[in-house]
């Protein structure tokens, strides 16, 4: 979970959060963004984004009770949260104070040529889809047009 950074955002009236598949990773990443969920809920409810962001990153961080550079966070801004249930663990939340930035690719595709062959396994395939990205409205229209009508079948049970 350390290497999979959470991606979150607001689109129209939906809050979008991506989490890793493992329960431990999902828990750690969700803990990293939990304090910012009230802010995301305000945005999803239709609050004016300009007025919400008027004070800048520092104001948002202070309202959420987080900081991008604290004495406990250290050089890289790693925040350590400790679980005090029957098990103990910690997570590394990457709150660098970059706001709502998109993830940045750190490698070039030419550095590690890969294939789209499904038999190659997930680590040897491209991380981008070979299929085009569609607008949600267009995708829903395609589903509506291409899905056959249901058939009524009567059978004795």
N, C-alpha and C. Protein backbone atom coordinates (compact mmCIF):
# COMPACT_ATOMS: atom_id res chain seq x y z
N UNK A 1 0.82 -1.20 0.00
CA UNK A 1 0.00 0.00 0.00
C UNK A 1 0.86 1.25 0.00
N UNK A 2 2.08 1.12 0.45
CA UNK A 2 2.97 2.28 0.49
C UNK A 2 3.18 2.87 -0.89
N UNK A 3 3.27 2.04 -1.91
CA UNK A 3 3.57 2.53 -3.25
C UNK A 3 2.33 2.94 -4.04
N UNK A 4 1.14 2.63 -3.55
CA UNK A 4 -0.07 3.01 -4.28
C UNK A 4 -0.69 4.22 -3.62
N UNK A 5 -0.56 5.36 -4.27
CA UNK A 5 -1.07 6.61 -3.71
C UNK A 5 -2.55 6.72 -3.98
N UNK A 6 -3.32 7.21 -3.01
CA UNK A 6 -4.75 7.38 -3.26
C UNK A 6 -4.99 8.49 -4.27
N UNK A 7 -5.96 8.29 -5.11
CA UNK A 7 -6.38 9.31 -6.06
C UNK A 7 -7.82 9.63 -5.71
N UNK A 8 -8.11 10.90 -5.49
CA UNK A 8 -9.45 11.30 -5.11
C UNK A 8 -9.80 12.61 -5.79
N UNK A 9 -11.09 12.81 -5.98
CA UNK A 9 -11.53 14.05 -6.60
C UNK A 9 -13.04 14.14 -6.60
N UNK A 10 -13.54 15.25 -7.11
CA UNK A 10 -14.97 15.47 -7.22
C UNK A 10 -15.30 15.72 -8.67
N UNK A 11 -16.29 15.02 -9.18
CA UNK A 11 -16.75 15.20 -10.56
C UNK A 11 -18.25 15.35 -10.51
N UNK A 12 -18.74 16.51 -10.96
CA UNK A 12 -20.16 16.85 -10.85
C UNK A 12 -20.59 16.71 -9.39
N UNK A 13 -21.50 15.80 -9.07
CA UNK A 13 -21.94 15.65 -7.68
C UNK A 13 -21.48 14.33 -7.08
N UNK A 14 -20.37 13.80 -7.61
CA UNK A 14 -19.84 12.53 -7.13
C UNK A 14 -18.44 12.71 -6.56
N UNK A 15 -18.18 12.01 -5.47
CA UNK A 15 -16.83 11.96 -4.90
C UNK A 15 -16.20 10.68 -5.42
N UNK A 16 -15.03 10.80 -6.04
CA UNK A 16 -14.36 9.65 -6.64
C UNK A 16 -13.09 9.37 -5.84
N UNK A 17 -12.98 8.13 -5.37
CA UNK A 17 -11.81 7.72 -4.59
C UNK A 17 -11.35 6.37 -5.13
N UNK A 18 -10.08 6.25 -5.47
CA UNK A 18 -9.55 4.95 -5.88
C UNK A 18 -8.69 4.41 -4.74
N UNK A 19 -8.88 3.14 -4.45
CA UNK A 19 -8.14 2.50 -3.38
C UNK A 19 -7.55 1.19 -3.89
N UNK A 20 -6.44 0.73 -3.29
CA UNK A 20 -5.88 -0.55 -3.70
C UNK A 20 -6.80 -1.71 -3.32
N UNK A 21 -6.57 -2.87 -3.88
CA UNK A 21 -7.44 -4.02 -3.67
C UNK A 21 -7.29 -4.70 -2.33
N UNK A 22 -6.16 -4.57 -1.69
CA UNK A 22 -5.97 -5.26 -0.41
C UNK A 22 -6.66 -4.49 0.71
N UNK A 23 -7.25 -5.21 1.68
CA UNK A 23 -7.91 -4.53 2.80
C UNK A 23 -6.96 -3.61 3.56
N UNK A 24 -5.71 -4.07 3.79
CA UNK A 24 -4.74 -3.25 4.52
C UNK A 24 -4.42 -1.98 3.74
N UNK A 25 -4.17 -2.12 2.44
CA UNK A 25 -3.85 -0.96 1.61
C UNK A 25 -5.02 0.00 1.51
N UNK A 26 -6.23 -0.54 1.36
CA UNK A 26 -7.41 0.32 1.28
C UNK A 26 -7.59 1.11 2.57
N UNK A 27 -7.40 0.44 3.71
CA UNK A 27 -7.55 1.10 5.01
C UNK A 27 -6.51 2.22 5.17
N UNK A 28 -5.25 1.92 4.83
CA UNK A 28 -4.20 2.92 4.98
C UNK A 28 -4.45 4.14 4.09
N UNK A 29 -4.81 3.89 2.84
CA UNK A 29 -5.02 5.01 1.93
C UNK A 29 -6.27 5.81 2.28
N UNK A 30 -7.31 5.13 2.75
CA UNK A 30 -8.52 5.84 3.16
C UNK A 30 -8.23 6.72 4.38
N UNK A 31 -7.39 6.24 5.29
CA UNK A 31 -7.01 7.05 6.45
C UNK A 31 -6.28 8.32 6.02
N UNK A 32 -5.55 8.25 4.91
CA UNK A 32 -4.81 9.42 4.43
C UNK A 32 -5.73 10.53 3.95
N UNK A 33 -6.89 10.17 3.42
CA UNK A 33 -7.78 11.20 2.85
C UNK A 33 -9.01 11.46 3.71
N UNK A 34 -9.16 10.74 4.82
CA UNK A 34 -10.35 10.84 5.64
C UNK A 34 -10.63 12.26 6.12
N UNK A 35 -9.59 12.98 6.53
CA UNK A 35 -9.80 14.33 7.06
C UNK A 35 -10.23 15.33 5.99
N UNK A 36 -10.01 14.99 4.72
CA UNK A 36 -10.40 15.90 3.64
C UNK A 36 -11.78 15.59 3.08
N UNK A 37 -12.43 14.51 3.55
CA UNK A 37 -13.75 14.16 3.03
C UNK A 37 -14.82 15.23 3.27
N UNK A 38 -14.84 15.92 4.42
CA UNK A 38 -15.84 16.99 4.57
C UNK A 38 -15.70 18.06 3.48
N UNK A 39 -14.47 18.40 3.12
CA UNK A 39 -14.23 19.38 2.05
C UNK A 39 -14.76 18.85 0.72
N UNK A 40 -14.51 17.57 0.44
CA UNK A 40 -14.99 16.96 -0.80
C UNK A 40 -16.52 16.92 -0.82
N UNK A 41 -17.13 16.66 0.33
CA UNK A 41 -18.60 16.63 0.41
C UNK A 41 -19.19 18.00 0.11
N UNK A 42 -18.54 19.05 0.61
CA UNK A 42 -19.00 20.41 0.30
C UNK A 42 -18.94 20.68 -1.19
N UNK A 43 -17.85 20.26 -1.83
CA UNK A 43 -17.72 20.46 -3.27
C UNK A 43 -18.77 19.65 -4.03
N UNK A 44 -18.98 18.40 -3.62
CA UNK A 44 -19.95 17.55 -4.31
C UNK A 44 -21.37 18.06 -4.12
N UNK A 45 -21.62 18.73 -3.00
CA UNK A 45 -22.95 19.27 -2.75
C UNK A 45 -23.22 20.54 -3.55
N UNK A 46 -22.20 21.04 -4.24
CA UNK A 46 -22.40 22.19 -5.11
C UNK A 46 -21.88 23.50 -4.56
N UNK A 47 -21.08 23.46 -3.49
CA UNK A 47 -20.52 24.70 -2.95
C UNK A 47 -19.62 25.36 -3.99
N UNK A 48 -19.51 26.67 -3.90
CA UNK A 48 -18.69 27.43 -4.84
C UNK A 48 -17.22 27.10 -4.61
N UNK A 49 -16.60 26.50 -5.61
CA UNK A 49 -15.22 26.05 -5.51
C UNK A 49 -14.25 27.20 -5.28
N UNK A 50 -14.50 28.33 -5.92
CA UNK A 50 -13.59 29.48 -5.77
C UNK A 50 -13.57 29.98 -4.33
N UNK A 51 -14.74 30.08 -3.70
CA UNK A 51 -14.76 30.57 -2.32
C UNK A 51 -14.17 29.53 -1.36
N UNK A 52 -14.38 28.23 -1.64
CA UNK A 52 -13.79 27.19 -0.79
C UNK A 52 -12.27 27.22 -0.83
N UNK A 53 -11.71 27.54 -2.00
CA UNK A 53 -10.26 27.53 -2.17
C UNK A 53 -9.63 28.92 -2.05
N UNK A 54 -10.41 29.90 -1.65
CA UNK A 54 -9.92 31.29 -1.60
C UNK A 54 -8.72 31.46 -0.66
N UNK A 55 -8.69 30.73 0.44
CA UNK A 55 -7.61 30.88 1.41
C UNK A 55 -6.35 30.12 1.05
N UNK A 56 -6.40 29.30 0.01
CA UNK A 56 -5.23 28.54 -0.41
C UNK A 56 -5.08 27.23 0.35
N UNK A 57 -4.00 26.54 0.04
CA UNK A 57 -3.72 25.21 0.60
C UNK A 57 -3.58 25.26 2.12
N UNK A 58 -2.87 26.27 2.63
CA UNK A 58 -2.63 26.35 4.07
C UNK A 58 -3.95 26.43 4.84
N UNK A 59 -4.91 27.20 4.33
CA UNK A 59 -6.21 27.33 5.00
C UNK A 59 -6.95 25.99 4.97
N UNK A 60 -6.95 25.32 3.82
CA UNK A 60 -7.62 24.02 3.71
C UNK A 60 -6.99 23.00 4.66
N UNK A 61 -5.66 23.00 4.74
CA UNK A 61 -4.97 22.06 5.62
C UNK A 61 -5.29 22.34 7.09
N UNK A 62 -5.32 23.61 7.47
CA UNK A 62 -5.61 23.93 8.88
C UNK A 62 -7.04 23.57 9.23
N UNK A 63 -7.99 23.78 8.30
CA UNK A 63 -9.38 23.41 8.55
C UNK A 63 -9.54 21.89 8.69
N UNK A 64 -8.75 21.14 7.93
CA UNK A 64 -8.84 19.68 7.97
C UNK A 64 -8.00 19.08 9.09
N UNK A 65 -7.13 19.89 9.70
CA UNK A 65 -6.28 19.39 10.77
C UNK A 65 -5.08 18.61 10.27
N UNK A 66 -4.61 18.95 9.07
CA UNK A 66 -3.42 18.30 8.52
C UNK A 66 -2.42 19.37 8.15
N UNK A 67 -1.19 18.95 7.87
CA UNK A 67 -0.20 19.91 7.39
C UNK A 67 0.72 19.21 6.42
N UNK A 68 1.23 19.97 5.46
CA UNK A 68 2.15 19.39 4.48
C UNK A 68 3.57 19.38 4.99
N UNK A 69 3.87 20.18 6.00
CA UNK A 69 5.23 20.17 6.56
C UNK A 69 5.13 20.45 8.05
N UNK A 70 5.18 19.40 8.84
CA UNK A 70 5.13 19.54 10.29
C UNK A 70 6.39 18.99 10.90
N UNK A 71 6.56 19.20 12.21
CA UNK A 71 7.77 18.72 12.86
C UNK A 71 7.79 17.20 12.89
N UNK A 72 6.63 16.55 13.00
CA UNK A 72 6.58 15.10 13.05
C UNK A 72 6.67 14.49 11.66
N UNK A 73 6.35 15.27 10.65
CA UNK A 73 6.27 14.73 9.30
C UNK A 73 7.63 14.48 8.69
N UNK A 74 8.63 15.24 9.05
CA UNK A 74 9.96 15.00 8.52
C UNK A 74 10.16 15.62 7.15
N UNK A 75 11.26 15.25 6.52
CA UNK A 75 11.69 15.86 5.26
C UNK A 75 10.71 15.65 4.12
N UNK A 76 10.16 14.44 3.97
CA UNK A 76 9.31 14.15 2.83
C UNK A 76 7.84 14.35 3.12
N UNK A 77 7.45 14.77 4.30
CA UNK A 77 6.05 14.95 4.60
C UNK A 77 5.34 13.63 4.85
N UNK A 78 6.05 12.61 5.31
CA UNK A 78 5.40 11.34 5.60
C UNK A 78 4.68 11.49 6.93
N UNK A 79 3.39 11.29 6.96
CA UNK A 79 2.64 11.32 8.19
C UNK A 79 2.49 9.90 8.71
N UNK A 80 2.70 9.69 9.99
CA UNK A 80 2.58 8.35 10.55
C UNK A 80 1.32 8.29 11.40
N UNK A 81 0.39 7.44 11.03
CA UNK A 81 -0.81 7.24 11.82
C UNK A 81 -0.74 5.87 12.46
N UNK A 82 -1.12 5.74 13.72
CA UNK A 82 -1.03 4.46 14.40
C UNK A 82 -2.42 3.98 14.77
N UNK A 83 -2.69 2.71 14.51
CA UNK A 83 -3.96 2.08 14.79
C UNK A 83 -3.89 1.51 16.20
N UNK A 84 -4.83 1.84 17.07
CA UNK A 84 -4.78 1.38 18.44
C UNK A 84 -5.86 0.35 18.74
N UNK A 85 -6.20 -0.49 17.76
CA UNK A 85 -7.09 -1.61 18.02
C UNK A 85 -6.23 -2.77 18.52
N UNK A 86 -6.67 -4.00 18.30
CA UNK A 86 -5.88 -5.15 18.76
C UNK A 86 -4.63 -5.35 17.93
N UNK A 87 -4.58 -4.78 16.74
CA UNK A 87 -3.38 -4.87 15.93
C UNK A 87 -2.78 -3.49 15.80
N UNK A 88 -1.49 -3.42 15.63
CA UNK A 88 -0.83 -2.13 15.49
C UNK A 88 -0.17 -2.04 14.13
N UNK A 89 -0.28 -0.88 13.51
CA UNK A 89 0.33 -0.69 12.21
C UNK A 89 0.56 0.79 11.99
N UNK A 90 1.15 1.13 10.88
CA UNK A 90 1.32 2.53 10.55
C UNK A 90 1.23 2.69 9.05
N UNK A 91 0.97 3.92 8.63
CA UNK A 91 0.86 4.18 7.20
C UNK A 91 1.65 5.43 6.87
N UNK A 92 1.98 5.57 5.62
CA UNK A 92 2.70 6.74 5.14
C UNK A 92 1.77 7.52 4.23
N UNK A 93 1.23 8.61 4.73
CA UNK A 93 0.34 9.44 3.93
C UNK A 93 1.17 10.51 3.26
N UNK A 94 1.05 10.62 1.97
CA UNK A 94 1.86 11.56 1.22
C UNK A 94 1.10 12.86 1.05
N UNK A 95 1.09 13.69 2.08
CA UNK A 95 0.43 14.99 2.01
C UNK A 95 1.49 16.04 1.75
N UNK A 96 1.88 16.20 0.51
CA UNK A 96 2.92 17.16 0.16
C UNK A 96 2.35 18.56 -0.06
N UNK A 97 1.04 18.74 0.07
CA UNK A 97 0.47 20.06 -0.10
C UNK A 97 0.37 20.49 -1.54
N UNK A 98 0.17 19.54 -2.45
CA UNK A 98 0.08 19.90 -3.85
C UNK A 98 -1.35 20.19 -4.29
N UNK A 99 -2.30 20.17 -3.40
CA UNK A 99 -3.67 20.46 -3.78
C UNK A 99 -4.30 19.29 -4.51
N UNK A 100 -5.02 19.60 -5.56
CA UNK A 100 -5.78 18.59 -6.29
C UNK A 100 -5.04 18.17 -7.56
N UNK A 101 -3.78 17.86 -7.47
CA UNK A 101 -2.97 17.53 -8.65
C UNK A 101 -3.20 16.09 -9.07
N UNK A 102 -3.04 15.84 -10.35
CA UNK A 102 -3.15 14.50 -10.90
C UNK A 102 -1.82 13.78 -10.70
N UNK A 103 -1.85 12.43 -10.65
CA UNK A 103 -0.60 11.69 -10.53
C UNK A 103 0.29 11.94 -11.74
N UNK A 104 1.59 11.92 -11.51
CA UNK A 104 2.56 12.18 -12.57
C UNK A 104 3.31 10.89 -12.88
N UNK A 105 3.42 10.56 -14.15
CA UNK A 105 4.18 9.38 -14.56
C UNK A 105 5.66 9.69 -14.39
N UNK A 106 6.40 8.79 -13.72
CA UNK A 106 7.82 9.02 -13.47
C UNK A 106 8.72 8.23 -14.40
N UNK A 107 8.14 7.45 -15.29
CA UNK A 107 8.92 6.70 -16.26
C UNK A 107 8.35 6.95 -17.65
N UNK A 108 9.20 6.75 -18.64
CA UNK A 108 8.73 6.87 -20.02
C UNK A 108 8.39 5.48 -20.53
N UNK A 109 7.37 5.40 -21.39
CA UNK A 109 6.99 4.10 -21.95
C UNK A 109 8.14 3.48 -22.73
N UNK A 110 8.99 4.31 -23.33
CA UNK A 110 10.11 3.78 -24.12
C UNK A 110 11.19 3.17 -23.24
N UNK A 111 11.23 3.54 -21.95
CA UNK A 111 12.23 2.98 -21.04
C UNK A 111 11.96 1.51 -20.73
N UNK A 112 10.72 1.12 -20.78
CA UNK A 112 10.33 -0.25 -20.44
C UNK A 112 9.25 -0.70 -21.41
N UNK A 113 9.62 -1.07 -22.64
CA UNK A 113 8.61 -1.45 -23.61
C UNK A 113 7.81 -2.65 -23.13
N UNK A 114 6.50 -2.56 -23.25
CA UNK A 114 5.63 -3.62 -22.78
C UNK A 114 4.61 -3.95 -23.86
N UNK A 115 3.88 -5.02 -23.65
CA UNK A 115 2.92 -5.43 -24.66
C UNK A 115 1.51 -5.35 -24.10
N UNK A 116 0.53 -5.49 -24.96
CA UNK A 116 -0.86 -5.57 -24.54
C UNK A 116 -1.35 -7.01 -24.57
N UNK A 117 -0.42 -7.96 -24.62
CA UNK A 117 -0.77 -9.37 -24.65
C UNK A 117 -1.27 -9.80 -23.28
N UNK A 118 -2.55 -10.24 -23.17
CA UNK A 118 -3.08 -10.64 -21.86
C UNK A 118 -2.32 -11.81 -21.24
N UNK A 119 -1.67 -12.63 -22.07
CA UNK A 119 -0.93 -13.77 -21.55
C UNK A 119 0.37 -13.34 -20.88
N UNK A 120 0.80 -12.10 -21.10
CA UNK A 120 2.07 -11.62 -20.55
C UNK A 120 2.01 -11.38 -19.05
N UNK A 121 0.84 -11.32 -18.47
CA UNK A 121 0.72 -11.05 -17.04
C UNK A 121 0.64 -9.55 -16.79
N UNK A 122 0.04 -9.15 -15.67
CA UNK A 122 -0.21 -7.73 -15.41
C UNK A 122 1.04 -6.86 -15.32
N UNK A 123 2.14 -7.41 -14.82
CA UNK A 123 3.33 -6.57 -14.66
C UNK A 123 4.06 -6.32 -15.97
N UNK A 124 3.76 -7.07 -17.01
CA UNK A 124 4.43 -6.91 -18.29
C UNK A 124 3.56 -6.19 -19.32
N UNK A 125 2.36 -5.76 -18.92
CA UNK A 125 1.46 -5.09 -19.85
C UNK A 125 1.51 -3.59 -19.64
N UNK A 126 1.09 -2.84 -20.67
CA UNK A 126 0.97 -1.39 -20.55
C UNK A 126 -0.01 -1.06 -19.44
N UNK A 127 0.21 0.05 -18.76
CA UNK A 127 -0.69 0.47 -17.70
C UNK A 127 -1.80 1.35 -18.24
N UNK A 128 -1.81 1.59 -19.53
CA UNK A 128 -2.88 2.39 -20.11
C UNK A 128 -3.75 1.47 -20.97
N UNK A 129 -5.02 1.77 -21.02
CA UNK A 129 -5.97 0.94 -21.74
C UNK A 129 -5.82 1.13 -23.24
N UNK A 130 -5.95 0.04 -24.01
CA UNK A 130 -5.93 0.18 -25.47
C UNK A 130 -7.25 0.71 -26.01
N UNK A 131 -8.25 0.86 -25.14
CA UNK A 131 -9.58 1.31 -25.55
C UNK A 131 -9.71 2.82 -25.36
N UNK A 132 -10.53 3.47 -26.19
CA UNK A 132 -10.68 4.92 -26.08
C UNK A 132 -11.44 5.31 -24.82
N UNK A 133 -11.15 6.50 -24.31
CA UNK A 133 -11.87 7.04 -23.17
C UNK A 133 -13.14 7.70 -23.69
N UNK A 134 -14.27 7.38 -23.06
CA UNK A 134 -15.56 7.92 -23.49
C UNK A 134 -16.14 8.81 -22.40
N UNK A 135 -16.89 9.79 -22.81
CA UNK A 135 -17.67 10.58 -21.86
C UNK A 135 -18.73 9.65 -21.26
N UNK A 136 -19.09 9.88 -19.99
CA UNK A 136 -20.06 9.02 -19.33
C UNK A 136 -21.39 9.02 -20.08
N UNK A 137 -21.84 10.19 -20.51
CA UNK A 137 -23.12 10.27 -21.22
C UNK A 137 -23.09 9.45 -22.51
N UNK A 138 -21.95 9.49 -23.23
CA UNK A 138 -21.82 8.71 -24.47
C UNK A 138 -21.79 7.22 -24.15
N UNK A 139 -21.09 6.83 -23.10
CA UNK A 139 -21.02 5.42 -22.70
C UNK A 139 -22.40 4.90 -22.32
N UNK A 140 -23.16 5.69 -21.57
CA UNK A 140 -24.52 5.27 -21.20
C UNK A 140 -25.41 5.13 -22.42
N UNK A 141 -25.25 6.03 -23.38
CA UNK A 141 -26.02 5.95 -24.62
C UNK A 141 -25.67 4.68 -25.39
N UNK A 142 -24.39 4.34 -25.47
CA UNK A 142 -23.97 3.10 -26.13
C UNK A 142 -24.56 1.87 -25.43
N UNK A 143 -24.53 1.87 -24.12
CA UNK A 143 -25.10 0.74 -23.37
C UNK A 143 -26.58 0.61 -23.66
N UNK A 144 -27.29 1.74 -23.65
CA UNK A 144 -28.73 1.73 -23.91
C UNK A 144 -29.02 1.20 -25.31
N UNK A 145 -28.25 1.63 -26.30
CA UNK A 145 -28.50 1.23 -27.69
C UNK A 145 -28.07 -0.20 -27.99
N UNK A 146 -27.01 -0.68 -27.34
CA UNK A 146 -26.46 -1.99 -27.68
C UNK A 146 -26.97 -3.14 -26.82
N UNK A 147 -27.63 -2.84 -25.71
CA UNK A 147 -28.14 -3.89 -24.84
C UNK A 147 -29.45 -4.42 -25.39
N UNK A 148 -29.55 -5.73 -25.63
CA UNK A 148 -30.80 -6.27 -26.17
C UNK A 148 -31.92 -6.19 -25.13
N UNK A 149 -33.15 -6.11 -25.64
CA UNK A 149 -34.31 -6.06 -24.75
C UNK A 149 -34.43 -7.38 -24.00
N UNK A 150 -34.89 -7.35 -22.76
CA UNK A 150 -35.03 -8.59 -21.99
C UNK A 150 -36.11 -9.49 -22.60
N UNK A 151 -35.93 -10.79 -22.47
CA UNK A 151 -36.90 -11.75 -22.97
C UNK A 151 -37.64 -12.35 -21.79
N UNK A 152 -38.94 -12.46 -21.93
CA UNK A 152 -39.75 -13.08 -20.88
C UNK A 152 -39.82 -14.57 -21.16
N UNK A 153 -39.45 -15.37 -20.20
CA UNK A 153 -39.46 -16.83 -20.34
C UNK A 153 -40.32 -17.40 -19.23
N UNK A 154 -41.30 -18.21 -19.60
CA UNK A 154 -42.15 -18.89 -18.62
C UNK A 154 -41.68 -20.33 -18.51
N UNK A 155 -41.45 -20.79 -17.30
CA UNK A 155 -40.99 -22.16 -17.07
C UNK A 155 -41.62 -22.69 -15.80
N UNK A 156 -41.92 -24.01 -15.81
CA UNK A 156 -42.46 -24.65 -14.61
C UNK A 156 -41.30 -24.92 -13.66
N UNK A 157 -41.55 -24.66 -12.39
CA UNK A 157 -40.52 -24.87 -11.39
C UNK A 157 -40.86 -26.07 -10.54
